[in-house]
Amino acid sequence: MVLYFYEDCEYSQIVLNTIANLKIKDKFTFKDIRLNPDYARELADLTGNDIVPCLVTTEGPMKEAKDIRKYLVSNFM
C-alpha cells in the first residue's frame, strides 16, 4: 500500500499515528508530497488533486483520514 502525506498535515498525522499504533509500518510505502514534488504529481495524476492523506490499496485510492483509519483498524487489528 502507498500512503501519500505530509508531516505538517493534521489529517495525515491521524493516519500515521494509526499505522504506528497498529505496528504495520512495514506494509506501506510512504510518499511525502512536500519532500518530493514528483509524489505530488503522482497523486494529482491518480486522483485529480494533491490532497492528503491518500491511501492507495489494491481497491484504489482512499482520501478521508477517518475512512483510512477505519479501513486500517478493520483490516489490521
N, C-alpha and C. Protein backbone atom coordinates (compact mmCIF):
# COMPACT_ATOMS: atom_id res chain seq x y z
N MET A 1 0.85 -1.17 0.00
CA MET A 1 0.00 0.00 0.00
C MET A 1 0.89 1.24 0.00
N VAL A 2 0.36 2.29 -0.54
CA VAL A 2 1.09 3.55 -0.62
C VAL A 2 0.30 4.61 0.14
N LEU A 3 1.01 5.37 0.98
CA LEU A 3 0.38 6.48 1.68
C LEU A 3 1.03 7.78 1.23
N TYR A 4 0.23 8.64 0.62
CA TYR A 4 0.66 10.00 0.29
C TYR A 4 0.28 10.87 1.47
N PHE A 5 1.21 11.71 1.91
CA PHE A 5 1.00 12.52 3.11
C PHE A 5 2.00 13.67 3.12
N TYR A 6 1.88 14.52 4.14
CA TYR A 6 2.99 15.39 4.53
C TYR A 6 2.91 15.59 6.03
N GLU A 7 4.06 15.77 6.63
CA GLU A 7 4.21 15.75 8.09
C GLU A 7 3.34 16.78 8.82
N ASP A 8 3.21 17.98 8.28
CA ASP A 8 2.50 19.06 8.98
C ASP A 8 0.98 18.97 8.85
N CYS A 9 0.49 18.02 8.11
CA CYS A 9 -0.95 17.87 7.91
C CYS A 9 -1.56 17.11 9.09
N GLU A 10 -2.49 17.75 9.78
CA GLU A 10 -3.09 17.10 10.95
C GLU A 10 -3.85 15.83 10.58
N TYR A 11 -4.44 15.79 9.39
CA TYR A 11 -5.16 14.60 8.96
C TYR A 11 -4.20 13.47 8.60
N SER A 12 -3.07 13.83 8.02
CA SER A 12 -2.03 12.82 7.76
C SER A 12 -1.54 12.24 9.08
N GLN A 13 -1.42 13.08 10.10
CA GLN A 13 -0.94 12.60 11.41
C GLN A 13 -1.90 11.58 12.01
N ILE A 14 -3.19 11.75 11.80
CA ILE A 14 -4.17 10.77 12.28
C ILE A 14 -3.87 9.41 11.68
N VAL A 15 -3.62 9.39 10.39
CA VAL A 15 -3.35 8.12 9.69
C VAL A 15 -1.99 7.56 10.12
N LEU A 16 -0.98 8.42 10.18
CA LEU A 16 0.36 7.97 10.58
C LEU A 16 0.35 7.40 12.00
N ASN A 17 -0.39 8.04 12.90
CA ASN A 17 -0.49 7.54 14.27
C ASN A 17 -1.21 6.20 14.32
N THR A 18 -2.24 6.04 13.51
CA THR A 18 -2.95 4.77 13.45
C THR A 18 -2.01 3.66 12.97
N ILE A 19 -1.23 3.95 11.94
CA ILE A 19 -0.27 2.97 11.42
C ILE A 19 0.76 2.61 12.49
N ALA A 20 1.26 3.61 13.21
CA ALA A 20 2.24 3.36 14.26
C ALA A 20 1.62 2.53 15.39
N ASN A 21 0.42 2.88 15.80
CA ASN A 21 -0.24 2.15 16.90
C ASN A 21 -0.55 0.70 16.53
N LEU A 22 -0.86 0.46 15.28
CA LEU A 22 -1.15 -0.90 14.83
C LEU A 22 0.13 -1.68 14.50
N LYS A 23 1.27 -0.97 14.52
CA LYS A 23 2.58 -1.57 14.23
C LYS A 23 2.60 -2.25 12.85
N ILE A 24 2.17 -1.49 11.85
CA ILE A 24 2.10 -2.03 10.49
C ILE A 24 2.88 -1.17 9.48
N LYS A 25 3.87 -0.42 9.96
CA LYS A 25 4.64 0.46 9.07
C LYS A 25 5.27 -0.28 7.90
N ASP A 26 5.63 -1.53 8.12
CA ASP A 26 6.30 -2.30 7.08
C ASP A 26 5.39 -2.64 5.89
N LYS A 27 4.13 -2.40 6.01
CA LYS A 27 3.17 -2.72 4.94
C LYS A 27 2.97 -1.55 3.96
N PHE A 28 3.69 -0.45 4.18
CA PHE A 28 3.45 0.78 3.41
C PHE A 28 4.69 1.31 2.73
N THR A 29 4.45 1.98 1.62
CA THR A 29 5.44 2.86 1.02
C THR A 29 4.93 4.26 1.35
N PHE A 30 5.75 5.05 2.02
CA PHE A 30 5.36 6.39 2.44
C PHE A 30 5.90 7.41 1.44
N LYS A 31 5.02 8.28 0.96
CA LYS A 31 5.40 9.29 -0.02
C LYS A 31 4.99 10.67 0.48
N ASP A 32 5.96 11.41 0.98
CA ASP A 32 5.73 12.76 1.49
C ASP A 32 5.75 13.73 0.32
N ILE A 33 4.59 14.30 0.01
CA ILE A 33 4.47 15.16 -1.18
C ILE A 33 5.17 16.50 -1.02
N ARG A 34 5.50 16.89 0.19
CA ARG A 34 6.23 18.15 0.39
C ARG A 34 7.74 17.95 0.23
N LEU A 35 8.22 16.74 0.50
CA LEU A 35 9.65 16.47 0.35
C LEU A 35 10.02 16.09 -1.07
N ASN A 36 9.06 15.56 -1.81
CA ASN A 36 9.32 15.14 -3.18
C ASN A 36 8.17 15.58 -4.09
N PRO A 37 8.39 16.63 -4.87
CA PRO A 37 7.33 17.14 -5.76
C PRO A 37 6.82 16.10 -6.76
N ASP A 38 7.65 15.10 -7.10
CA ASP A 38 7.20 14.04 -8.00
C ASP A 38 6.04 13.27 -7.39
N TYR A 39 6.06 13.10 -6.06
CA TYR A 39 4.96 12.40 -5.39
C TYR A 39 3.66 13.19 -5.48
N ALA A 40 3.76 14.51 -5.39
CA ALA A 40 2.57 15.36 -5.53
C ALA A 40 1.98 15.22 -6.93
N ARG A 41 2.85 15.16 -7.93
CA ARG A 41 2.39 14.97 -9.31
C ARG A 41 1.75 13.59 -9.50
N GLU A 42 2.38 12.57 -8.92
CA GLU A 42 1.80 11.21 -8.97
C GLU A 42 0.39 11.21 -8.38
N LEU A 43 0.26 11.84 -7.23
CA LEU A 43 -1.03 11.88 -6.54
C LEU A 43 -2.06 12.62 -7.38
N ALA A 44 -1.67 13.75 -7.96
CA ALA A 44 -2.59 14.52 -8.81
C ALA A 44 -3.00 13.72 -10.04
N ASP A 45 -2.06 12.99 -10.62
CA ASP A 45 -2.39 12.15 -11.78
C ASP A 45 -3.37 11.04 -11.37
N LEU A 46 -3.20 10.52 -10.18
CA LEU A 46 -4.02 9.41 -9.70
C LEU A 46 -5.42 9.84 -9.30
N THR A 47 -5.52 11.00 -8.62
CA THR A 47 -6.80 11.39 -8.02
C THR A 47 -7.38 12.70 -8.55
N GLY A 48 -6.60 13.45 -9.31
CA GLY A 48 -7.08 14.72 -9.82
C GLY A 48 -6.73 15.90 -8.94
N ASN A 49 -6.12 15.63 -7.77
CA ASN A 49 -5.66 16.71 -6.89
C ASN A 49 -4.53 16.18 -6.02
N ASP A 50 -3.95 17.06 -5.21
CA ASP A 50 -2.84 16.62 -4.35
C ASP A 50 -3.22 16.73 -2.86
N ILE A 51 -4.46 16.44 -2.56
CA ILE A 51 -4.95 16.50 -1.18
C ILE A 51 -4.54 15.21 -0.45
N VAL A 52 -3.99 15.40 0.75
CA VAL A 52 -3.56 14.27 1.58
C VAL A 52 -4.37 14.25 2.86
N PRO A 53 -4.40 13.12 3.55
CA PRO A 53 -3.76 11.87 3.21
C PRO A 53 -4.53 11.13 2.12
N CYS A 54 -3.79 10.26 1.44
CA CYS A 54 -4.39 9.39 0.44
C CYS A 54 -3.73 8.03 0.56
N LEU A 55 -4.52 7.02 0.84
CA LEU A 55 -4.03 5.65 0.90
C LEU A 55 -4.43 4.95 -0.39
N VAL A 56 -3.45 4.35 -1.04
CA VAL A 56 -3.72 3.61 -2.26
C VAL A 56 -3.59 2.12 -1.95
N THR A 57 -4.69 1.41 -2.13
CA THR A 57 -4.73 -0.03 -1.91
C THR A 57 -5.03 -0.71 -3.25
N THR A 58 -5.14 -2.02 -3.24
CA THR A 58 -5.50 -2.73 -4.47
C THR A 58 -6.88 -2.33 -4.95
N GLU A 59 -7.70 -1.79 -4.04
CA GLU A 59 -9.05 -1.35 -4.39
C GLU A 59 -9.09 0.07 -4.94
N GLY A 60 -7.95 0.77 -4.90
CA GLY A 60 -7.89 2.14 -5.40
C GLY A 60 -7.56 3.13 -4.30
N PRO A 61 -7.62 4.43 -4.62
CA PRO A 61 -7.27 5.46 -3.64
C PRO A 61 -8.40 5.73 -2.64
N MET A 62 -8.00 6.04 -1.42
CA MET A 62 -8.93 6.39 -0.34
C MET A 62 -8.43 7.72 0.23
N LYS A 63 -9.32 8.73 0.34
CA LYS A 63 -8.87 10.08 0.66
C LYS A 63 -9.16 10.59 2.07
N GLU A 64 -10.19 10.19 2.72
CA GLU A 64 -10.56 10.77 4.01
C GLU A 64 -9.83 10.09 5.16
N ALA A 65 -9.23 10.87 6.06
CA ALA A 65 -8.47 10.32 7.19
C ALA A 65 -9.32 9.36 8.02
N LYS A 66 -10.57 9.73 8.28
CA LYS A 66 -11.42 8.85 9.10
C LYS A 66 -11.73 7.56 8.38
N ASP A 67 -11.90 7.60 7.07
CA ASP A 67 -12.15 6.39 6.29
C ASP A 67 -10.90 5.51 6.23
N ILE A 68 -9.74 6.16 6.08
CA ILE A 68 -8.48 5.41 6.05
C ILE A 68 -8.26 4.74 7.40
N ARG A 69 -8.48 5.47 8.48
CA ARG A 69 -8.30 4.91 9.83
C ARG A 69 -9.25 3.72 10.03
N LYS A 70 -10.49 3.87 9.63
CA LYS A 70 -11.46 2.78 9.76
C LYS A 70 -11.02 1.56 8.96
N TYR A 71 -10.54 1.77 7.75
CA TYR A 71 -10.05 0.69 6.91
C TYR A 71 -8.88 -0.03 7.58
N LEU A 72 -7.92 0.74 8.08
CA LEU A 72 -6.74 0.15 8.71
C LEU A 72 -7.10 -0.65 9.95
N VAL A 73 -7.94 -0.10 10.79
CA VAL A 73 -8.34 -0.79 12.02
C VAL A 73 -9.09 -2.07 11.67
N SER A 74 -9.99 -2.01 10.71
CA SER A 74 -10.79 -3.20 10.39
C SER A 74 -9.97 -4.28 9.70
N ASN A 75 -8.90 -3.90 9.03
CA ASN A 75 -8.09 -4.89 8.31
C ASN A 75 -6.84 -5.36 9.03
N PHE A 76 -6.39 -4.62 10.05
CA PHE A 76 -5.12 -4.96 10.69
C PHE A 76 -5.18 -5.09 12.20
N MET A 77 -6.36 -4.99 12.78
CA MET A 77 -6.43 -5.10 14.23
C MET A 77 -6.71 -6.52 14.65
